[in-house]
Amino acid sequence: MQSFALCLAIGVLLAQTFRVFVLAAATVLIIVVGIAGDTAGTESLWIKLLVAGTAATALQAGYLIGVGPWINQWLLAKPT
């Protein structure tokens, strides 16, 4: 649960600073660290993949949450 909240917050911070292209690199980094980070653990590979996938999903959801206000302003803006 802590990794989900942490990845959600990181996604919001990335949305405040970078464009959408940073999501590909951040997602790959999260998946690699999530799988390789606990090599001495007793969990199976499927559990590690599930945790890494959940963290990557939280990262991308956080990015969408962080980008949300700007998208609403862009969609509701009057054409010039």
Protein backbone atom coordinates (compact mmCIF):
# COMPACT_ATOMS: atom_id res chain seq x y z
CA MET A 1 0.00 0.00 0.00
CA GLN A 2 2.87 2.35 0.72
CA SER A 3 4.40 1.73 -2.70
CA PHE A 4 1.05 2.49 -4.34
CA ALA A 5 0.75 5.82 -2.52
CA LEU A 6 4.39 6.66 -3.17
CA CYS A 7 4.09 5.94 -6.91
CA LEU A 8 0.86 7.94 -7.06
CA ALA A 9 2.62 10.94 -5.47
CA ILE A 10 5.62 10.56 -7.79
CA GLY A 11 3.27 10.53 -10.78
CA VAL A 12 1.64 13.77 -9.62
CA LEU A 13 5.07 15.38 -9.18
CA LEU A 14 6.15 14.24 -12.65
CA ALA A 15 3.00 15.77 -14.14
CA GLN A 16 3.80 19.11 -12.54
CA THR A 17 7.29 19.18 -14.05
CA PHE A 18 7.56 17.08 -17.22
CA ARG A 19 5.65 16.21 -20.38
CA VAL A 20 4.04 12.85 -21.02
CA PHE A 21 7.19 11.36 -22.60
CA VAL A 22 8.81 10.96 -19.18
CA LEU A 23 6.18 8.33 -18.30
CA ALA A 24 7.78 5.69 -20.52
CA ALA A 25 11.16 5.99 -18.82
CA ALA A 26 9.65 6.21 -15.35
CA THR A 27 7.43 3.18 -15.93
CA VAL A 28 10.32 1.05 -17.17
CA LEU A 29 12.42 2.18 -14.21
CA ILE A 30 9.66 1.30 -11.73
CA ILE A 31 9.17 -2.14 -13.26
CA VAL A 32 12.90 -2.93 -13.30
CA VAL A 33 13.42 -1.73 -9.74
CA GLY A 34 10.29 -3.53 -8.58
CA ILE A 35 11.40 -6.86 -10.01
CA ALA A 36 15.13 -6.62 -9.28
CA GLY A 37 14.84 -4.85 -5.94
CA ASP A 38 13.75 -7.92 -4.01
CA THR A 39 15.93 -10.62 -5.52
CA ALA A 40 16.63 -12.24 -2.15
CA GLY A 41 12.94 -12.39 -1.23
CA THR A 42 10.93 -15.55 -1.07
CA GLU A 43 8.08 -14.34 -3.26
CA SER A 44 7.52 -15.88 -6.64
CA LEU A 45 8.07 -14.05 -9.87
CA TRP A 46 4.31 -13.64 -10.37
CA ILE A 47 3.98 -11.70 -7.10
CA LYS A 48 6.88 -9.44 -8.09
CA LEU A 49 5.29 -8.81 -11.50
CA LEU A 50 1.96 -8.01 -9.86
CA VAL A 51 3.56 -5.52 -7.47
CA ALA A 52 5.58 -3.91 -10.28
CA GLY A 53 2.49 -3.66 -12.48
CA THR A 54 0.48 -2.09 -9.68
CA ALA A 55 3.24 0.43 -9.05
CA ALA A 56 3.44 1.31 -12.75
CA THR A 57 -0.34 1.75 -12.88
CA ALA A 58 -0.24 4.00 -9.81
CA LEU A 59 2.49 6.08 -11.41
CA GLN A 60 0.43 6.63 -14.55
CA ALA A 61 -2.77 7.32 -12.59
CA GLY A 62 -0.89 9.88 -10.52
CA TYR A 63 0.31 11.53 -13.70
CA LEU A 64 -3.27 11.80 -14.95
CA ILE A 65 -4.40 13.25 -11.63
CA GLY A 66 -1.59 15.80 -11.71
CA VAL A 67 -2.28 16.83 -15.29
CA GLY A 68 -6.05 17.07 -14.76
CA PRO A 69 -6.47 20.79 -13.93
CA TRP A 70 -4.52 21.89 -17.02
CA ILE A 71 -6.52 19.64 -19.30
CA ASN A 72 -9.78 21.05 -17.92
CA GLN A 73 -8.56 24.60 -18.48
CA TRP A 74 -7.51 23.74 -22.02
CA LEU A 75 -10.80 22.04 -22.87
CA LEU A 76 -12.96 24.81 -21.38
CA ALA A 77 -10.96 27.73 -22.81
CA LYS A 78 -12.74 29.93 -25.32
CA PRO A 79 -11.22 29.86 -28.80
CA THR A 80 -9.36 33.01 -29.78
